[in-house]
Amino acid sequence: MLPVKTSLLPTVSRFFDDDWNNLFDWSNRSMTPYQSTIPPVNIHEISDHFILEVAAAGFSKDDFNIELDNSTLTISTNVQRDDDSDDSKYHRREFNFQSFKRSFTLNEKIIDFSKIEASYTNGILKIAIAKKDEAKEKPVRSINIS
């Protein structure tokens, strides 16, 4: 009878802990107790850079502040909404446009800090973070046997 592995969870968990946390620090050190909503973030990798996507609908591109301090990338907003702009009376109010601050520690061995670009379209803030040349995947090459 063949041995059966009971769970893949430790393997998958270890992969993310060991590999991905070395690229980005996922913690929110700058979160305050008054912040109840932090926008979700997707991070994916393509051949020559990483794409960080922040779901932040309801903002304009001028609301964002993106700073790089040494190896810490910080995305923040400081939004003040005028609740008394007209005479309307809300019976239900679910829209929430709170300020937020989110920081990521970037791996300086992999990231080219001089090549970080951002755009904001359709409620998604996209930050393209370029890889250093030595961190990019090399194409497969064939080695001749002599």
C-alpha atoms as a PDB file:
ATOM      1  CA  MET A   1       0.000   0.000   0.000  1.00  0.00           C
ATOM      2  CA  LEU A   2       1.309   3.454  -0.899  1.00  0.00           C
ATOM      3  CA  PRO A   3       1.707   6.045   1.833  1.00  0.00           C
ATOM      4  CA  VAL A   4      -0.916   8.779   1.619  1.00  0.00           C
ATOM      5  CA  LYS A   5      -0.117  12.353   2.527  1.00  0.00           C
ATOM      6  CA  THR A   6      -2.838  13.555   4.864  1.00  0.00           C
ATOM      7  CA  SER A   7      -2.576  17.290   4.241  1.00  0.00           C
ATOM      8  CA  LEU A   8      -0.922  19.712   1.835  1.00  0.00           C
ATOM      9  CA  LEU A   9      -1.531  22.626   4.169  1.00  0.00           C
ATOM     10  CA  PRO A  10       1.909  22.706   5.848  1.00  0.00           C
ATOM     11  CA  THR A  11       3.618  22.593   2.451  1.00  0.00           C
ATOM     12  CA  VAL A  12       1.503  25.392   0.995  1.00  0.00           C
ATOM     13  CA  SER A  13       1.714  27.452   4.176  1.00  0.00           C
ATOM     14  CA  ARG A  14       5.495  27.083   4.284  1.00  0.00           C
ATOM     15  CA  PHE A  15       5.761  28.177   0.646  1.00  0.00           C
ATOM     16  CA  PHE A  16       4.016  31.462   1.357  1.00  0.00           C
ATOM     17  CA  ASP A  17       5.832  32.091   4.635  1.00  0.00           C
ATOM     18  CA  ASP A  18       9.273  31.396   3.234  1.00  0.00           C
ATOM     19  CA  ASP A  19       9.050  32.805  -0.259  1.00  0.00           C
ATOM     20  CA  TRP A  20       6.460  35.553  -0.439  1.00  0.00           C
ATOM     21  CA  ASN A  21       7.165  37.210   2.886  1.00  0.00           C
ATOM     22  CA  ASN A  22      10.719  37.706   1.709  1.00  0.00           C
ATOM     23  CA  LEU A  23       9.422  39.858  -1.153  1.00  0.00           C
ATOM     24  CA  PHE A  24       6.766  41.855   0.681  1.00  0.00           C
ATOM     25  CA  ASP A  25       6.063  42.380   4.351  1.00  0.00           C
ATOM     26  CA  TRP A  26       2.311  41.772   4.593  1.00  0.00           C
ATOM     27  CA  SER A  27       1.851  43.414   7.977  1.00  0.00           C
ATOM     28  CA  ASN A  28       0.012  46.664   8.564  1.00  0.00           C
ATOM     29  CA  ARG A  29       2.225  48.307  11.148  1.00  0.00           C
ATOM     30  CA  SER A  30       0.708  51.709  10.486  1.00  0.00           C
ATOM     31  CA  MET A  31      -2.894  50.672  11.159  1.00  0.00           C
ATOM     32  CA  THR A  32      -4.590  52.603  13.943  1.00  0.00           C
ATOM     33  CA  PRO A  33      -7.500  51.393  16.067  1.00  0.00           C
ATOM     34  CA  TYR A  34      -9.752  53.971  14.379  1.00  0.00           C
ATOM     35  CA  GLN A  35      -9.291  52.495  10.929  1.00  0.00           C
ATOM     36  CA  SER A  36     -11.968  49.912  10.364  1.00  0.00           C
ATOM     37  CA  THR A  37     -11.435  49.339   6.664  1.00  0.00           C
ATOM     38  CA  ILE A  38      -8.187  48.740   4.845  1.00  0.00           C
ATOM     39  CA  PRO A  39      -8.579  48.208   1.110  1.00  0.00           C
ATOM     40  CA  PRO A  40      -7.680  44.718  -0.099  1.00  0.00           C
ATOM     41  CA  VAL A  41      -4.479  44.273  -2.094  1.00  0.00           C
ATOM     42  CA  ASN A  42      -3.487  41.792  -4.792  1.00  0.00           C
ATOM     43  CA  ILE A  43       0.166  41.259  -5.612  1.00  0.00           C
ATOM     44  CA  HIS A  44       1.092  39.302  -8.695  1.00  0.00           C
ATOM     45  CA  GLU A  45       4.276  38.746 -10.597  1.00  0.00           C
ATOM     46  CA  ILE A  46       5.023  38.898 -14.283  1.00  0.00           C
ATOM     47  CA  SER A  47       8.343  38.400 -16.027  1.00  0.00           C
ATOM     48  CA  ASP A  48       9.991  41.738 -15.294  1.00  0.00           C
ATOM     49  CA  HIS A  49       8.008  43.263 -12.423  1.00  0.00           C
ATOM     50  CA  PHE A  50       5.413  42.886  -9.694  1.00  0.00           C
ATOM     51  CA  ILE A  51       1.963  44.447  -9.879  1.00  0.00           C
ATOM     52  CA  LEU A  52       0.413  45.656  -6.648  1.00  0.00           C
ATOM     53  CA  GLU A  53      -3.336  46.326  -7.029  1.00  0.00           C
ATOM     54  CA  VAL A  54      -5.282  48.206  -4.362  1.00  0.00           C
ATOM     55  CA  ALA A  55      -9.088  48.085  -4.551  1.00  0.00           C
ATOM     56  CA  ALA A  56      -9.948  51.651  -3.594  1.00  0.00           C
ATOM     57  CA  ALA A  57     -13.152  52.730  -5.315  1.00  0.00           C
ATOM     58  CA  GLY A  58     -14.586  56.162  -4.640  1.00  0.00           C
ATOM     59  CA  PHE A  59     -11.270  58.006  -4.605  1.00  0.00           C
ATOM     60  CA  SER A  60      -9.606  60.194  -7.198  1.00  0.00           C
ATOM     61  CA  LYS A  61      -5.956  59.833  -8.137  1.00  0.00           C
ATOM     62  CA  ASP A  62      -5.212  63.081  -6.270  1.00  0.00           C
ATOM     63  CA  ASP A  63      -6.418  61.482  -3.003  1.00  0.00           C
ATOM     64  CA  PHE A  64      -3.488  59.028  -2.947  1.00  0.00           C
ATOM     65  CA  ASN A  65      -0.032  59.575  -1.546  1.00  0.00           C
ATOM     66  CA  ILE A  66       2.596  56.964  -2.444  1.00  0.00           C
ATOM     67  CA  GLU A  67       6.003  57.233  -0.793  1.00  0.00           C
ATOM     68  CA  LEU A  68       9.154  55.138  -0.849  1.00  0.00           C
ATOM     69  CA  ASP A  69      11.247  55.531   2.299  1.00  0.00           C
ATOM     70  CA  ASN A  70      14.336  53.343   2.002  1.00  0.00           C
ATOM     71  CA  SER A  71      12.723  49.958   1.296  1.00  0.00           C
ATOM     72  CA  THR A  72       9.252  50.762   2.688  1.00  0.00           C
ATOM     73  CA  LEU A  73       6.509  51.556   0.179  1.00  0.00           C
ATOM     74  CA  THR A  74       3.592  53.382   1.825  1.00  0.00           C
ATOM     75  CA  ILE A  75       0.226  54.027   0.214  1.00  0.00           C
ATOM     76  CA  SER A  76      -2.084  56.410   2.018  1.00  0.00           C
ATOM     77  CA  THR A  77      -5.063  58.703   1.629  1.00  0.00           C
ATOM     78  CA  ASN A  78      -6.276  61.546   3.772  1.00  0.00           C
ATOM     79  CA  VAL A  79      -9.842  62.118   2.724  1.00  0.00           C
ATOM     80  CA  GLN A  80     -12.234  64.539   4.360  1.00  0.00           C
ATOM     81  CA  ARG A  81     -15.790  64.115   3.058  1.00  0.00           C
ATOM     82  CA  ASP A  82     -18.277  66.914   3.625  1.00  0.00           C
ATOM     83  CA  ASP A  83     -21.358  65.193   5.072  1.00  0.00           C
ATOM     84  CA  ASP A  84     -23.488  68.347   5.174  1.00  0.00           C
ATOM     85  CA  SER A  85     -23.083  69.424   1.553  1.00  0.00           C
ATOM     86  CA  ASP A  86     -26.834  69.688   0.890  1.00  0.00           C
ATOM     87  CA  ASP A  87     -30.210  69.536   2.585  1.00  0.00           C
ATOM     88  CA  SER A  88     -30.794  65.844   1.883  1.00  0.00           C
ATOM     89  CA  LYS A  89     -31.523  63.456   4.715  1.00  0.00           C
ATOM     90  CA  TYR A  90     -30.016  59.984   4.481  1.00  0.00           C
ATOM     91  CA  HIS A  91     -32.174  57.056   5.520  1.00  0.00           C
ATOM     92  CA  ARG A  92     -29.346  54.614   4.988  1.00  0.00           C
ATOM     93  CA  ARG A  93     -25.678  55.327   4.415  1.00  0.00           C
ATOM     94  CA  GLU A  94     -23.303  52.494   3.534  1.00  0.00           C
ATOM     95  CA  PHE A  95     -20.655  54.284   1.477  1.00  0.00           C
ATOM     96  CA  ASN A  96     -17.502  54.585   3.514  1.00  0.00           C
ATOM     97  CA  PHE A  97     -14.567  56.633   2.280  1.00  0.00           C
ATOM     98  CA  GLN A  98     -12.151  56.532   5.182  1.00  0.00           C
ATOM     99  CA  SER A  99      -8.549  57.524   5.029  1.00  0.00           C
ATOM    100  CA  PHE A 100      -6.109  54.648   5.156  1.00  0.00           C
ATOM    101  CA  LYS A 101      -2.406  53.932   5.293  1.00  0.00           C
ATOM    102  CA  ARG A 102      -0.793  50.693   4.169  1.00  0.00           C
ATOM    103  CA  SER A 103       2.927  49.897   4.128  1.00  0.00           C
ATOM    104  CA  PHE A 104       4.956  47.173   2.440  1.00  0.00           C
ATOM    105  CA  THR A 105       8.617  46.384   2.989  1.00  0.00           C
ATOM    106  CA  LEU A 106      10.228  45.641  -0.371  1.00  0.00           C
ATOM    107  CA  ASN A 107      13.186  43.317  -0.800  1.00  0.00           C
ATOM    108  CA  GLU A 108      16.079  45.492  -1.984  1.00  0.00           C
ATOM    109  CA  LYS A 109      17.859  42.485  -3.522  1.00  0.00           C
ATOM    110  CA  ILE A 110      14.984  42.000  -5.969  1.00  0.00           C
ATOM    111  CA  ILE A 111      13.326  45.396  -6.480  1.00  0.00           C
ATOM    112  CA  ASP A 112      14.636  48.207  -8.711  1.00  0.00           C
ATOM    113  CA  PHE A 113      13.578  51.214  -6.619  1.00  0.00           C
ATOM    114  CA  SER A 114      14.159  53.656  -9.485  1.00  0.00           C
ATOM    115  CA  LYS A 115      11.436  51.998 -11.588  1.00  0.00           C
ATOM    116  CA  ILE A 116       8.161  52.188  -9.671  1.00  0.00           C
ATOM    117  CA  GLU A 117       5.108  53.566 -11.481  1.00  0.00           C
ATOM    118  CA  ALA A 118       1.483  54.019 -10.433  1.00  0.00           C
ATOM    119  CA  SER A 119      -1.868  54.480 -12.163  1.00  0.00           C
ATOM    120  CA  TYR A 120      -5.476  54.701 -10.984  1.00  0.00           C
ATOM    121  CA  THR A 121      -8.293  53.441 -13.216  1.00  0.00           C
ATOM    122  CA  ASN A 122     -11.827  52.270 -12.428  1.00  0.00           C
ATOM    123  CA  GLY A 123     -11.292  52.166  -8.654  1.00  0.00           C
ATOM    124  CA  ILE A 124      -8.049  50.166  -8.811  1.00  0.00           C
ATOM    125  CA  LEU A 125      -4.708  51.714  -7.886  1.00  0.00           C
ATOM    126  CA  LYS A 126      -1.994  49.767  -9.749  1.00  0.00           C
ATOM    127  CA  ILE A 127       1.639  50.069  -8.791  1.00  0.00           C
ATOM    128  CA  ALA A 128       4.184  48.456 -11.109  1.00  0.00           C
ATOM    129  CA  ILE A 129       7.345  47.547  -9.191  1.00  0.00           C
ATOM    130  CA  ALA A 130      10.226  46.615 -11.493  1.00  0.00           C
ATOM    131  CA  LYS A 131      12.613  43.773 -10.752  1.00  0.00           C
ATOM    132  CA  LYS A 132      16.352  44.176 -10.907  1.00  0.00           C
ATOM    133  CA  ASP A 133      17.902  42.534 -13.972  1.00  0.00           C
ATOM    134  CA  GLU A 134      19.556  39.850 -11.855  1.00  0.00           C
ATOM    135  CA  ALA A 135      16.180  38.931 -10.293  1.00  0.00           C
ATOM    136  CA  LYS A 136      14.357  38.436 -13.612  1.00  0.00           C
ATOM    137  CA  GLU A 137      13.768  34.930 -14.837  1.00  0.00           C
ATOM    138  CA  LYS A 138      16.283  33.870 -17.418  1.00  0.00           C
ATOM    139  CA  PRO A 139      15.069  32.079 -20.536  1.00  0.00           C
ATOM    140  CA  VAL A 140      15.748  28.391 -20.802  1.00  0.00           C
ATOM    141  CA  ARG A 141      18.883  27.706 -22.797  1.00  0.00           C
ATOM    142  CA  SER A 142      20.239  24.512 -24.157  1.00  0.00           C
ATOM    143  CA  ILE A 143      23.752  23.437 -23.188  1.00  0.00           C
ATOM    144  CA  ASN A 144      25.704  21.418 -25.718  1.00  0.00           C
ATOM    145  CA  ILE A 145      27.653  18.418 -24.571  1.00  0.00           C
ATOM    146  CA  SER A 146      31.169  18.274 -25.984  1.00  0.00           C
END
